[in-house]
């Protein structure tokens, strides 16, 4: 619910200032979410006395803003101006009063205005201003302070504030344990697997007076979207260069921030062109994607970690025939510009308590180098420099796709007939007998569920691969190998080359 702000002072002295303040409240991204502004001049013509109308508007408002200058204004039969009557009415009705006094001293004021300034000063704290910019900034600070005191907004970062309704049992100890294993292995983190969940969260500053913060929920909840519905990632693949229906492939991913990143990266890698090394190159193979995997991952991590989680929008990953676009809600910090992203710059994370664990788990490298790493990876791959844009409250990262003749035929993630591009890639990297984890690593994929659904199960259903332990499908020693059909399919797709 928005609160009504009544901007007082009908005298000509502040005509411009009052209109600017009204427009500022109604256009500011934060203030317009909580306030509507009212000026007496905005009312239509009416068969009512003016003094009765503006006093009734004072009664309707939640916040009374008064501007006091040099002129006292026209007086009624009792010698009181509208400005004085409005202030007295707001006081009687117990309204929140914000008073701004023009000029540093009272020498030029009319005597009655000087008395009114003194009367106001005896009741509340006044703010003085000399320029319109100072007045606007002072009003902004006062309104934000009002919101903070009423609990409408928090001064701490969003990820550090407690998540409403979330309790410790809503967090998954197994996810915390897996994170601790990664953090211990990759960064030498002090705590290891087996640490009690509450102790681990306390060490990571993810609890607020015993309750999980938003960061804790996003990192480790059984289902974060139960508490933060828009924390999902929407991925779409279009065959053309425009958004057109029907959409060939559209996925909405949910889960923790780790799972969101893994699923979104795997989605992109399963749809873009890839060059798979041949068996002549050795027992192991590599997959070279048309867009560097590390650059795609870094961009998606940026979008998930640095997005505005108070927004009702979601992160979007859209793959077109000529480009990859990654959008996240939120704007750059005021200390950064789009140009600064291409130069060494300080790290200013929107969600620092999210960024820390993502670094410990190896999803983020050195602070402040994310965009620089993306630019270098694309430059080293011979690709055009990605674009960074700020539009409509969204931060956009745009990569140009440069498919090469050497890329495998499944450039769009699909191959004519019954064999998908994902299956072809799986067949191409399979050397002898390999475990599921090794196949994922060879393909550069992290999310197990996506790998099983898009790669492993279709290849098994096609009988292009087989299990080494078919009688024990869930065995920890399970491995996979090509069948005769798989070798034949791969040879045909690769132009008859012996796989």
Protein backbone atom coordinates (compact mmCIF):
# COMPACT_ATOMS: atom_id res chain seq x y z
CA UNK A 1 0.00 0.00 0.00
CA UNK A 2 1.31 3.47 -0.92
CA UNK A 3 1.27 6.40 1.47
CA UNK A 4 -0.05 9.82 0.43
CA UNK A 5 2.41 12.73 0.66
CA UNK A 6 0.82 16.19 0.92
CA UNK A 7 3.21 18.90 -0.30
CA UNK A 8 2.19 22.13 1.43
CA UNK A 9 2.76 25.82 0.64
CA UNK A 10 0.46 27.23 -2.00
CA UNK A 11 2.27 30.55 -2.28
CA UNK A 12 3.99 31.39 -5.57
CA UNK A 13 7.39 31.38 -3.82
CA UNK A 14 7.72 27.59 -4.16
CA UNK A 15 5.68 26.81 -7.30
CA UNK A 16 8.60 25.24 -9.16
CA UNK A 17 9.99 23.40 -6.14
CA UNK A 18 6.68 21.75 -5.35
CA UNK A 19 6.20 20.45 -8.90
CA UNK A 20 9.76 19.10 -8.94
CA UNK A 21 9.22 17.29 -5.63
CA UNK A 22 5.96 15.76 -6.87
CA UNK A 23 7.59 14.53 -10.09
CA UNK A 24 10.62 13.27 -8.18
CA UNK A 25 8.49 11.14 -5.83
CA UNK A 26 6.42 9.72 -8.66
CA UNK A 27 9.40 8.86 -10.88
CA UNK A 28 12.02 7.66 -8.41
CA UNK A 29 12.24 3.80 -8.62
CA UNK A 30 12.20 3.43 -4.82
CA UNK A 31 9.90 6.23 -3.67
CA UNK A 32 7.15 5.52 -6.19
CA UNK A 33 6.79 2.02 -4.74
CA UNK A 34 5.74 3.48 -1.39
CA UNK A 35 4.37 7.01 -1.94
CA UNK A 36 1.99 9.09 -4.05
CA UNK A 37 2.35 12.87 -4.08
CA UNK A 38 -0.42 15.46 -3.90
CA UNK A 39 -0.43 19.13 -4.87
CA UNK A 40 -3.44 21.38 -4.32
CA UNK A 41 -3.15 22.53 -7.94
CA UNK A 42 -3.80 18.95 -9.15
CA UNK A 43 -7.40 19.06 -7.97
CA UNK A 44 -10.09 19.76 -10.59
CA UNK A 45 -12.37 22.77 -10.29
CA UNK A 46 -14.94 22.24 -7.55
CA UNK A 47 -17.82 24.05 -5.86
CA UNK A 48 -16.05 23.97 -2.46
CA UNK A 49 -14.11 26.50 -0.40
CA UNK A 50 -10.37 26.20 -1.04
CA UNK A 51 -9.42 26.28 2.64
CA UNK A 52 -11.78 23.41 3.42
CA UNK A 53 -10.39 21.36 0.54
CA UNK A 54 -6.71 21.64 1.42
CA UNK A 55 -7.37 20.96 5.08
CA UNK A 56 -9.34 17.82 4.17
CA UNK A 57 -6.37 16.75 2.03
CA UNK A 58 -4.10 17.18 5.05
CA UNK A 59 -6.45 14.81 6.89
CA UNK A 60 -6.12 12.22 4.10
CA UNK A 61 -2.33 12.26 3.90
CA UNK A 62 0.11 10.07 5.82
CA UNK A 63 3.04 12.48 5.43
CA UNK A 64 2.84 16.27 5.51
CA UNK A 65 5.66 18.13 3.72
CA UNK A 66 5.96 21.86 4.42
CA UNK A 67 8.24 24.34 2.64
CA UNK A 68 8.93 27.55 4.56
CA UNK A 69 10.51 30.55 2.84
CA UNK A 70 10.43 34.30 3.25
CA UNK A 71 6.75 35.03 2.51
CA UNK A 72 4.05 34.27 5.05
CA UNK A 73 1.26 34.25 2.46
CA UNK A 74 -2.28 35.62 2.33
CA UNK A 75 -4.02 35.80 5.69
CA UNK A 76 -7.55 34.91 6.75
CA UNK A 77 -9.76 36.90 9.14
CA UNK A 78 -7.70 35.57 12.05
CA UNK A 79 -4.41 36.62 10.49
CA UNK A 80 -3.24 33.06 9.67
CA UNK A 81 -1.93 31.93 6.31
CA UNK A 82 -2.79 28.58 4.61
CA UNK A 83 0.75 27.39 5.35
CA UNK A 84 0.27 27.99 9.08
CA UNK A 85 -3.22 26.41 9.13
CA UNK A 86 -1.98 23.31 7.28
CA UNK A 87 0.89 22.81 9.71
CA UNK A 88 -1.43 23.18 12.71
CA UNK A 89 -3.93 20.73 11.17
CA UNK A 90 -1.17 18.15 10.50
CA UNK A 91 -0.03 18.55 14.10
CA UNK A 92 -3.56 18.07 15.45
CA UNK A 93 -4.08 14.94 13.34
CA UNK A 94 -0.75 13.40 14.38
CA UNK A 95 0.66 13.29 10.84
CA UNK A 96 4.32 12.67 10.08
CA UNK A 97 5.63 16.20 9.44
CA UNK A 98 8.68 16.95 7.28
CA UNK A 99 9.59 20.64 7.26
CA UNK A 100 12.21 22.23 5.01
CA UNK A 101 13.29 25.83 5.56
CA UNK A 102 14.87 27.86 2.77
CA UNK A 103 18.06 29.89 3.48
CA UNK A 104 20.63 29.57 6.22
CA UNK A 105 19.29 32.46 8.31
CA UNK A 106 15.98 34.19 8.97
CA UNK A 107 17.00 37.79 8.26
CA UNK A 108 14.95 38.19 5.05
CA UNK A 109 11.77 36.52 6.33
CA UNK A 110 8.55 38.35 7.01
CA UNK A 111 7.95 38.60 10.76
CA UNK A 112 5.06 36.13 10.85
CA UNK A 113 7.02 33.61 8.77
CA UNK A 114 9.98 34.05 11.13
CA UNK A 115 7.61 33.27 14.03
CA UNK A 116 6.24 30.21 12.22
CA UNK A 117 9.76 28.90 11.59
CA UNK A 118 10.44 29.31 15.30
CA UNK A 119 7.19 27.56 16.22
CA UNK A 120 8.05 24.63 13.96
CA UNK A 121 11.57 24.45 15.34
CA UNK A 122 10.22 24.07 18.87
CA UNK A 123 8.29 20.94 17.85
CA UNK A 124 10.50 19.03 15.45
CA UNK A 125 13.81 18.87 13.56
CA UNK A 126 13.81 21.10 10.49
CA UNK A 127 16.08 20.74 7.47
CA UNK A 128 17.47 23.82 5.73
CA UNK A 129 18.18 24.12 2.01
CA UNK A 130 19.42 26.74 -0.41
CA UNK A 131 19.10 25.00 -3.81
CA UNK A 132 16.50 22.78 -5.43
CA UNK A 133 18.98 19.89 -5.53
CA UNK A 134 19.55 20.18 -1.76
CA UNK A 135 15.79 20.21 -1.16
CA UNK A 136 15.26 17.11 -3.31
CA UNK A 137 18.09 15.23 -1.61
CA UNK A 138 16.86 16.22 1.84
CA UNK A 139 13.32 15.03 1.06
CA UNK A 140 14.66 11.74 -0.30
CA UNK A 141 16.70 11.15 2.86
CA UNK A 142 13.71 11.95 5.08
CA UNK A 143 11.34 9.64 3.18
CA UNK A 144 13.85 6.79 3.20
CA UNK A 145 14.35 7.31 6.93
CA UNK A 146 10.57 7.12 7.34
CA UNK A 147 10.48 3.81 5.46
CA UNK A 148 13.35 2.39 7.52
CA UNK A 149 11.78 3.38 10.84
CA UNK A 150 8.51 1.74 9.79
CA UNK A 151 10.29 -1.42 8.60
CA UNK A 152 9.19 -1.00 4.97
CA UNK A 153 12.79 -1.21 3.79
CA UNK A 154 15.96 -2.56 5.36
CA UNK A 155 19.27 -0.75 5.49
CA UNK A 156 21.22 -4.02 5.36
CA UNK A 157 21.70 -5.70 1.96
CA UNK A 158 18.73 -7.82 0.92
CA UNK A 159 20.66 -11.04 1.24
CA UNK A 160 21.62 -10.21 4.85
CA UNK A 161 18.06 -9.62 6.07
CA UNK A 162 16.01 -12.47 7.58
CA UNK A 163 13.76 -14.32 5.15
CA UNK A 164 10.14 -14.13 6.36
CA UNK A 165 8.62 -17.51 7.33
CA UNK A 166 11.91 -19.38 6.79
CA UNK A 167 13.24 -21.55 9.59
CA UNK A 168 16.32 -23.72 9.99
CA UNK A 169 14.42 -26.88 9.06
CA UNK A 170 13.69 -25.31 5.64
CA UNK A 171 17.41 -25.62 4.82
CA UNK A 172 18.87 -28.87 3.46
CA UNK A 173 21.81 -30.18 5.55
CA UNK A 174 22.94 -32.31 2.59
CA UNK A 175 23.32 -29.19 0.44
CA UNK A 176 25.27 -27.47 3.19
CA UNK A 177 27.52 -30.54 3.46
CA UNK A 178 28.18 -30.65 -0.30
CA UNK A 179 29.06 -26.95 -0.23
CA UNK A 180 31.49 -27.45 2.65
CA UNK A 181 33.20 -30.23 0.70
CA UNK A 182 33.63 -27.97 -2.34
CA UNK A 183 34.80 -25.00 -0.25
CA UNK A 184 37.32 -27.16 1.62
CA UNK A 185 38.71 -28.66 -1.58
CA UNK A 186 38.80 -25.50 -3.71
CA UNK A 187 39.57 -22.73 -1.23
CA UNK A 188 40.86 -24.50 1.87
CA UNK A 189 37.79 -23.38 3.85
CA UNK A 190 38.13 -23.84 7.60
CA UNK A 191 35.00 -25.98 7.97
CA UNK A 192 34.53 -29.33 6.28
CA UNK A 193 31.72 -31.82 5.64
CA UNK A 194 30.03 -33.00 8.81
CA UNK A 195 29.96 -29.57 10.43
CA UNK A 196 26.53 -29.00 12.02
CA UNK A 197 24.35 -26.88 9.77
CA UNK A 198 23.74 -24.13 12.31
CA UNK A 199 27.46 -23.84 13.07
CA UNK A 200 28.31 -23.61 9.36
CA UNK A 201 25.66 -20.95 8.74
CA UNK A 202 26.81 -18.95 11.74
CA UNK A 203 30.39 -19.05 10.47
CA UNK A 204 29.18 -17.77 7.06
CA UNK A 205 27.05 -14.99 8.67
CA UNK A 206 23.91 -16.49 7.16
CA UNK A 207 21.76 -16.36 10.28
CA UNK A 208 20.06 -13.29 11.77
CA UNK A 209 19.21 -13.82 15.42
CA UNK A 210 18.93 -17.54 14.71
CA UNK A 211 16.74 -17.20 11.61
CA UNK A 212 17.93 -17.91 8.03
CA UNK A 213 18.70 -14.86 5.92
CA UNK A 214 17.62 -14.52 2.31
CA UNK A 215 21.14 -15.59 1.33
CA UNK A 216 20.86 -18.79 3.39
CA UNK A 217 17.58 -19.64 1.68
CA UNK A 218 18.94 -18.94 -1.80
CA UNK A 219 22.04 -21.03 -1.12
CA UNK A 220 20.74 -24.02 0.83
CA UNK A 221 16.94 -24.24 1.05
CA UNK A 222 15.13 -27.40 -0.01
CA UNK A 223 13.21 -25.17 -2.45
CA UNK A 224 14.19 -21.46 -2.38
CA UNK A 225 11.34 -20.56 -4.74
CA UNK A 226 8.85 -21.35 -1.97
CA UNK A 227 10.05 -18.15 -0.28
CA UNK A 228 11.41 -16.21 -3.29
CA UNK A 229 9.29 -17.22 -6.31
CA UNK A 230 11.15 -15.07 -8.84
CA UNK A 231 14.57 -16.47 -7.94
CA UNK A 232 14.16 -18.86 -10.87
CA UNK A 233 16.02 -18.68 -14.19
CA UNK A 234 14.11 -18.75 -17.47
CA UNK A 235 15.98 -20.20 -20.47
CA UNK A 236 14.74 -20.04 -24.05
CA UNK A 237 16.26 -21.18 -27.36
CA UNK A 238 15.11 -19.59 -30.63
CA UNK A 239 16.16 -20.84 -34.06
CA UNK A 240 16.01 -17.31 -35.50
CA UNK A 241 17.32 -13.91 -34.45
CA UNK A 242 14.05 -12.69 -32.92
CA UNK A 243 11.68 -13.74 -30.15
CA UNK A 244 9.12 -15.82 -32.01
CA UNK A 245 6.61 -18.47 -31.07
CA UNK A 246 6.54 -21.39 -30.95
CA UNK A 247 9.70 -21.51 -28.84
CA UNK A 248 11.73 -24.62 -29.76
CA UNK A 249 13.05 -25.07 -26.24
CA UNK A 250 11.92 -23.30 -23.08
CA UNK A 251 12.86 -24.19 -19.50
CA UNK A 252 12.19 -22.59 -16.13
CA UNK A 253 14.83 -23.73 -13.67
CA UNK A 254 14.42 -23.71 -9.91
CA UNK A 255 16.66 -24.64 -7.01
CA UNK A 256 19.53 -23.04 -5.12
CA UNK A 257 21.76 -20.45 -6.76
CA UNK A 258 24.35 -23.20 -7.38
CA UNK A 259 21.73 -25.33 -9.14
CA UNK A 260 20.37 -22.38 -11.12
CA UNK A 261 23.83 -21.58 -12.49
CA UNK A 262 24.61 -25.21 -13.34
CA UNK A 263 21.28 -25.77 -15.09
CA UNK A 264 21.41 -22.53 -17.08
CA UNK A 265 25.01 -23.10 -18.21
CA UNK A 266 24.23 -26.67 -19.23
CA UNK A 267 21.17 -25.44 -21.16
CA UNK A 268 23.32 -23.09 -23.24
CA UNK A 269 26.09 -25.66 -23.83
CA UNK A 270 23.55 -28.23 -25.01
CA UNK A 271 22.28 -25.83 -27.69
CA UNK A 272 25.42 -24.22 -29.14
CA UNK A 273 27.91 -25.65 -31.63
CA UNK A 274 30.78 -27.74 -30.31
CA UNK A 275 33.95 -29.23 -31.71
CA UNK A 276 34.78 -32.56 -30.11
CA UNK A 277 38.33 -33.91 -30.22
CA UNK A 278 38.90 -37.14 -32.15
CA UNK A 279 40.05 -40.46 -30.74
CA UNK A 280 43.37 -40.00 -32.47
CA UNK A 281 44.12 -37.21 -29.98
CA UNK A 282 44.36 -39.62 -27.06
CA UNK A 283 42.44 -41.51 -24.43
CA UNK A 284 40.74 -38.37 -23.21
CA UNK A 285 38.98 -35.78 -25.28
CA UNK A 286 37.93 -32.16 -25.07
CA UNK A 287 34.91 -30.20 -26.21
CA UNK A 288 35.48 -26.74 -27.65
CA UNK A 289 32.25 -24.76 -27.65
CA UNK A 290 31.60 -21.88 -30.02
CA UNK A 291 31.26 -19.67 -26.93
CA UNK A 292 33.85 -20.33 -24.20
CA UNK A 293 32.23 -22.32 -21.43
CA UNK A 294 33.99 -20.26 -18.77
CA UNK A 295 32.68 -16.98 -20.25
CA UNK A 296 29.11 -18.29 -20.41
CA UNK A 297 29.35 -19.55 -16.84
CA UNK A 298 30.82 -16.28 -15.55
CA UNK A 299 28.05 -14.25 -17.20
CA UNK A 300 25.31 -16.46 -15.76
CA UNK A 301 26.93 -16.37 -12.31
CA UNK A 302 27.01 -12.56 -12.56
CA UNK A 303 23.31 -12.50 -13.40
CA UNK A 304 22.27 -14.84 -10.58
CA UNK A 305 24.51 -13.41 -7.85
CA UNK A 306 24.24 -9.68 -8.61
CA UNK A 307 20.55 -9.49 -9.53
CA UNK A 308 18.00 -7.48 -7.57
CA UNK A 309 16.10 -10.14 -5.62
CA UNK A 310 13.49 -7.60 -4.52
CA UNK A 311 12.37 -7.35 -8.16
CA UNK A 312 9.43 -9.35 -9.50
CA UNK A 313 11.43 -10.16 -12.63
CA UNK A 314 13.59 -13.26 -13.14
CA UNK A 315 16.96 -13.87 -14.74
CA UNK A 316 16.49 -14.68 -18.44
CA UNK A 317 18.90 -16.57 -20.70
CA UNK A 318 17.96 -16.35 -24.38
CA UNK A 319 19.87 -18.09 -27.15
CA UNK A 320 19.27 -16.82 -30.68
CA UNK A 321 20.81 -17.93 -33.97
CA UNK A 322 23.29 -15.04 -33.88
CA UNK A 323 23.72 -14.22 -30.17
CA UNK A 324 23.31 -15.16 -26.53
CA UNK A 325 21.58 -12.66 -24.24
CA UNK A 326 21.62 -12.88 -20.44
CA UNK A 327 19.36 -10.47 -18.57
CA UNK A 328 19.10 -9.87 -14.85
CA UNK A 329 16.89 -7.40 -12.95
CA UNK A 330 18.76 -4.54 -11.32
CA UNK A 331 21.07 -1.70 -12.22
CA UNK A 332 24.78 -1.18 -11.74
CA UNK A 333 25.87 0.44 -8.45
CA UNK A 334 26.16 4.21 -8.72
CA UNK A 335 29.96 3.92 -8.43
CA UNK A 336 30.22 1.81 -11.60
CA UNK A 337 29.54 2.63 -15.23
CA UNK A 338 29.27 0.40 -18.28
CA UNK A 339 32.64 1.70 -19.46
CA UNK A 340 34.21 0.87 -16.06
CA UNK A 341 33.28 -2.79 -16.52
CA UNK A 342 35.90 -2.99 -19.27
CA UNK A 343 38.66 -1.70 -17.01
CA UNK A 344 40.03 -2.91 -13.65
CA UNK A 345 37.40 -1.91 -11.12
CA UNK A 346 36.47 -2.56 -7.49
CA UNK A 347 34.06 -5.32 -6.59
CA UNK A 348 30.69 -3.90 -5.50
CA UNK A 349 28.47 -6.97 -5.00
CA UNK A 350 24.77 -6.28 -4.64
CA UNK A 351 24.46 -9.44 -2.55
CA UNK A 352 27.77 -9.89 -0.68
CA UNK A 353 26.56 -12.84 1.42
CA UNK A 354 25.70 -14.69 -1.80
CA UNK A 355 28.97 -13.78 -3.49
CA UNK A 356 31.11 -15.13 -0.63
CA UNK A 357 29.90 -18.76 -0.72
CA UNK A 358 29.87 -18.72 -4.54
CA UNK A 359 33.56 -17.79 -4.40
CA UNK A 360 34.31 -20.49 -1.81
CA UNK A 361 32.60 -23.11 -4.01
CA UNK A 362 34.65 -22.08 -7.04
CA UNK A 363 31.87 -20.39 -9.01
CA UNK A 364 33.50 -16.96 -8.73
CA UNK A 365 37.18 -16.16 -9.07
CA UNK A 366 39.01 -13.05 -7.93
CA UNK A 367 36.64 -10.29 -6.85
CA UNK A 368 35.97 -7.58 -9.42
CA UNK A 369 37.41 -9.51 -12.40
CA UNK A 370 34.21 -11.13 -13.69
CA UNK A 371 33.58 -8.90 -16.70
CA UNK A 372 37.31 -8.63 -17.43
CA UNK A 373 37.55 -12.43 -17.49
CA UNK A 374 34.60 -12.60 -19.89
CA UNK A 375 36.22 -10.08 -22.23
CA UNK A 376 39.56 -11.89 -22.20
CA UNK A 377 38.04 -15.33 -22.76
CA UNK A 378 36.11 -14.07 -25.78
CA UNK A 379 39.15 -12.21 -27.11
CA UNK A 380 41.35 -15.31 -26.77
CA UNK A 381 38.71 -17.34 -28.63
CA UNK A 382 38.72 -14.84 -31.50
CA UNK A 383 35.19 -13.66 -30.75
CA UNK A 384 33.79 -10.13 -30.82
CA UNK A 385 33.78 -8.33 -27.50
CA UNK A 386 30.50 -8.94 -25.59
CA UNK A 387 28.18 -5.99 -25.04
CA UNK A 388 27.07 -4.74 -21.64
CA UNK A 389 23.87 -2.73 -21.55
CA UNK A 390 21.63 -1.12 -18.94
CA UNK A 391 18.03 -0.92 -20.20
CA UNK A 392 14.57 -0.82 -18.59
CA UNK A 393 15.92 -1.67 -15.16
CA UNK A 394 17.80 -4.70 -16.51
CA UNK A 395 21.51 -5.41 -16.88
CA UNK A 396 22.19 -7.23 -20.14
CA UNK A 397 25.21 -9.24 -21.29
CA UNK A 398 25.20 -10.04 -25.01
CA UNK A 399 27.54 -12.49 -26.77
CA UNK A 400 27.87 -12.75 -30.56
CA UNK A 401 27.76 -16.31 -31.86
CA UNK A 402 30.45 -17.20 -34.43
CA UNK A 403 29.85 -20.74 -35.66
CA UNK A 404 32.72 -22.27 -37.61
CA UNK A 405 32.81 -24.95 -40.32
CA UNK A 406 34.74 -27.22 -37.94
CA UNK A 407 31.84 -27.31 -35.48
CA UNK A 408 29.90 -30.52 -35.20
CA UNK A 409 26.60 -30.75 -37.13
CA UNK A 410 24.54 -30.30 -33.97
CA UNK A 411 25.20 -26.55 -33.92
CA UNK A 412 21.71 -25.82 -32.64
CA UNK A 413 21.54 -28.73 -30.25
CA UNK A 414 19.57 -30.86 -32.67
CA UNK A 415 20.45 -33.29 -35.44
CA UNK A 416 18.12 -34.38 -38.22
CA UNK A 417 16.41 -37.64 -37.37
CA UNK A 418 16.23 -39.43 -34.05
CA UNK A 419 19.68 -38.43 -32.75
CA UNK A 420 19.90 -35.17 -30.81
CA UNK A 421 23.00 -33.01 -30.69
CA UNK A 422 23.38 -33.81 -27.01
CA UNK A 423 23.53 -37.54 -27.74
CA UNK A 424 26.09 -37.01 -30.50
CA UNK A 425 28.36 -35.12 -28.11
CA UNK A 426 28.03 -37.82 -25.51
CA UNK A 427 28.99 -40.48 -28.06
CA UNK A 428 31.95 -38.40 -29.23
CA UNK A 429 33.52 -38.04 -25.77
CA UNK A 430 32.86 -41.61 -24.60
CA UNK A 431 36.20 -43.46 -24.52
CA UNK A 432 36.10 -47.11 -23.60
CA UNK A 433 34.15 -47.39 -20.33
CA UNK A 434 33.43 -44.17 -18.41
CA UNK A 435 31.51 -43.26 -15.26
CA UNK A 436 28.72 -40.71 -15.30
CA UNK A 437 30.87 -38.13 -13.47
CA UNK A 438 33.67 -38.49 -16.03
CA UNK A 439 31.26 -38.03 -18.94
CA UNK A 440 29.87 -34.88 -17.36
CA UNK A 441 33.38 -33.55 -16.81
CA UNK A 442 34.37 -34.31 -20.41
CA UNK A 443 31.35 -32.34 -21.63
CA UNK A 444 31.91 -29.49 -19.18
CA UNK A 445 28.51 -30.03 -17.58
CA UNK A 446 27.81 -29.65 -13.85
CA UNK A 447 24.14 -30.35 -13.25
CA UNK A 448 23.50 -34.07 -12.92
CA UNK A 449 19.74 -33.93 -13.54
CA UNK A 450 20.17 -31.99 -16.78
CA UNK A 451 22.91 -34.37 -17.94
CA UNK A 452 20.73 -37.41 -17.27
CA UNK A 453 17.63 -35.97 -18.97
CA UNK A 454 19.28 -34.41 -22.02
CA UNK A 455 22.24 -36.72 -22.63
CA UNK A 456 22.36 -40.02 -20.74
CA UNK A 457 18.76 -41.26 -20.84
CA UNK A 458 18.20 -40.42 -24.56
CA UNK A 459 21.44 -42.22 -25.47
CA UNK A 460 20.37 -45.28 -23.44
CA UNK A 461 16.86 -45.20 -24.93
CA UNK A 462 18.41 -45.04 -28.40
CA UNK A 463 20.60 -48.03 -27.48
CA UNK A 464 23.63 -46.04 -28.60
CA UNK A 465 25.30 -46.71 -25.24
CA UNK A 466 24.89 -49.40 -22.61
CA UNK A 467 25.61 -49.92 -18.92
CA UNK A 468 28.49 -52.10 -17.84
CA UNK A 469 26.31 -53.29 -14.92
CA UNK A 470 22.79 -53.46 -16.39
CA UNK A 471 21.57 -55.64 -13.52
CA UNK A 472 22.61 -52.94 -11.01
CA UNK A 473 21.63 -49.62 -12.64
CA UNK A 474 22.24 -47.62 -9.44
CA UNK A 475 25.63 -49.15 -8.68
CA UNK A 476 28.32 -46.69 -7.58
CA UNK A 477 30.65 -48.57 -9.97
CA UNK A 478 28.34 -48.12 -12.95
CA UNK A 479 30.01 -47.15 -16.21
CA UNK A 480 28.89 -46.68 -19.81
CA UNK A 481 30.26 -47.73 -23.20
CA UNK A 482 29.35 -47.42 -26.86
CA UNK A 483 27.24 -50.09 -28.49
CA UNK A 484 27.66 -51.22 -32.09
CA UNK A 485 24.74 -48.95 -32.99
CA UNK A 486 26.42 -46.04 -31.20
CA UNK A 487 29.69 -46.54 -33.07
CA UNK A 488 27.80 -46.71 -36.35
CA UNK A 489 25.79 -43.57 -35.61
CA UNK A 490 28.90 -41.65 -34.64
CA UNK A 491 30.79 -42.80 -37.75
CA UNK A 492 27.92 -41.71 -40.01
CA UNK A 493 27.56 -38.32 -38.36
CA UNK A 494 31.29 -37.65 -38.44
CA UNK A 495 31.46 -38.42 -42.13
CA UNK A 496 32.60 -42.03 -41.90
CA UNK A 497 35.56 -41.38 -39.61
CA UNK A 498 36.32 -44.36 -37.37
CA UNK A 499 35.19 -43.43 -33.86
